[in-house]
Amino acid sequence: MLIKEVETIKSIKPLTPQQQRIDTLKQQVKRDQEAIKAERQRQQVAKAQQQLQRVRTIKP
């Protein structure tokens, strides 16, 4: 490493409790959004499977 590279590296300061709370809430929102997306997809798959099953029982 060059001295110039070492000088440009900034030290990471610890977050304040308020910043930590905000960061945690943001992460929670992202997790919840992913869970909602996964649940919607699961419901779509279940609905499609039910439709396929109905079609198979109607036409033997």
Protein backbone atom coordinates (compact mmCIF):
# COMPACT_ATOMS: atom_id res chain seq x y z
CA MET A 1 0.00 0.00 0.00
CA LEU A 2 1.08 3.49 -0.70
CA ILE A 3 1.03 6.18 1.93
CA LYS A 4 -1.52 8.05 -0.16
CA GLU A 5 -3.86 5.05 -0.01
CA VAL A 6 -3.53 4.77 3.75
CA GLU A 7 -4.26 8.45 4.23
CA THR A 8 -7.46 8.30 2.20
CA ILE A 9 -8.93 5.49 4.31
CA LYS A 10 -11.33 7.11 6.73
CA SER A 11 -11.87 5.71 10.15
CA ILE A 12 -15.39 4.42 10.76
CA LYS A 13 -16.94 6.14 13.72
CA PRO A 14 -19.36 4.23 15.92
CA LEU A 15 -22.98 5.18 15.47
CA THR A 16 -24.84 7.09 18.13
CA PRO A 17 -27.75 5.26 19.78
CA GLN A 18 -30.20 7.33 17.72
CA GLN A 19 -28.37 6.49 14.49
CA GLN A 20 -28.28 2.84 15.45
CA ARG A 21 -32.02 2.85 16.05
CA ILE A 22 -32.69 4.45 12.67
CA ASP A 23 -30.37 1.97 10.96
CA THR A 24 -32.08 -0.95 12.69
CA LEU A 25 -35.52 0.32 11.69
CA LYS A 26 -34.40 0.70 8.07
CA GLN A 27 -33.08 -2.86 8.06
CA GLN A 28 -36.33 -4.09 9.58
CA VAL A 29 -38.32 -2.33 6.85
CA LYS A 30 -36.22 -4.04 4.18
CA ARG A 31 -36.73 -7.44 5.80
CA ASP A 32 -40.47 -6.84 6.06
CA GLN A 33 -40.68 -5.80 2.41
CA GLU A 34 -38.88 -8.97 1.36
CA ALA A 35 -41.21 -11.05 3.54
CA ILE A 36 -44.26 -9.41 1.95
CA LYS A 37 -42.87 -10.04 -1.52
CA ALA A 38 -42.19 -13.69 -0.69
CA GLU A 39 -45.67 -14.16 0.79
CA ARG A 40 -47.36 -12.65 -2.26
CA GLN A 41 -45.38 -14.96 -4.51
CA ARG A 42 -46.25 -17.95 -2.33
CA GLN A 43 -49.94 -17.07 -2.54
CA GLN A 44 -49.74 -16.73 -6.33
CA VAL A 45 -48.15 -20.16 -6.61
CA ALA A 46 -50.80 -21.69 -4.32
CA LYS A 47 -53.58 -20.09 -6.37
CA ALA A 48 -52.07 -21.36 -9.63
CA GLN A 49 -51.75 -24.87 -8.18
CA GLN A 50 -55.41 -24.81 -7.13
CA GLN A 51 -56.43 -23.74 -10.63
CA LEU A 52 -54.40 -26.56 -12.17
CA GLN A 53 -55.98 -29.04 -9.80
CA ARG A 54 -59.48 -27.81 -10.74
CA VAL A 55 -58.70 -28.12 -14.44
CA ARG A 56 -57.42 -31.67 -13.97
CA THR A 57 -60.55 -32.75 -12.07
CA ILE A 58 -62.91 -31.21 -14.62
CA LYS A 59 -61.26 -32.84 -17.65
CA PRO A 60 -60.46 -36.49 -16.86
